[in-house]
Amino acid sequence: MTIPRLYRRRLIPDQLIPLKDDEILYCDPEIIVTGWNTLNPKTEFTHGTSCYFFDRGIKVSKFYMENDALLYWYCDIVDYVYDENLQRLTVVDLLADVIVKPDGTYKVVDLDEMGDALSQGLLSAELLNKGLHRLDWLLKQIYTGRFGTLQAVLEKYEKRR
């Protein structure tokens, strides 16, 4: 697979952001692993690594504090649009997220934004359906103790600062 240029599409607010500073650590037809620093300064975390799982429509990220301590795992429910001519992969954020803390506790966030995006015509019923099924799959991985397999894929390729 040719290494694509990465973009993030946000629905709320409507933004297309080139991830030009993300370092691609690994790329194959099933996943891409990246290392990155925050685009905008944050007090709680400064950098991280992400794994884009194409077949599952999720992005699993590790958020690190300045001292390299793990803050939490952040899982985005996403869709992917690949433009072969431009060799550009756009990751569309479907808004629902799951935060998994190092102690194993977790929470689902931003479901209200999915509803808002649907009612505002920013998210189609088809993408909402995909997003909910992807969220359901991810939560089942967490409930049944299989989230570690996703973590292991990311950790296999991540590079520490």
Foldseek 3Di string as FASTA:
>chain_A
DPQAFEWEAELVPGDIGGPNQWAFQDDDPFKTKTWFFDPDDDQAFGIWMWIQGQVLQKIWIFTAHPVRDTAWIKMFRWHWDADPVRSYIYTYGLQWMKTAGPVLDIDIDRPVVNVVCPVVVSADPVRSVSSVVSVVVCVVCSVVVNVVVVVVVNVVRDDGD
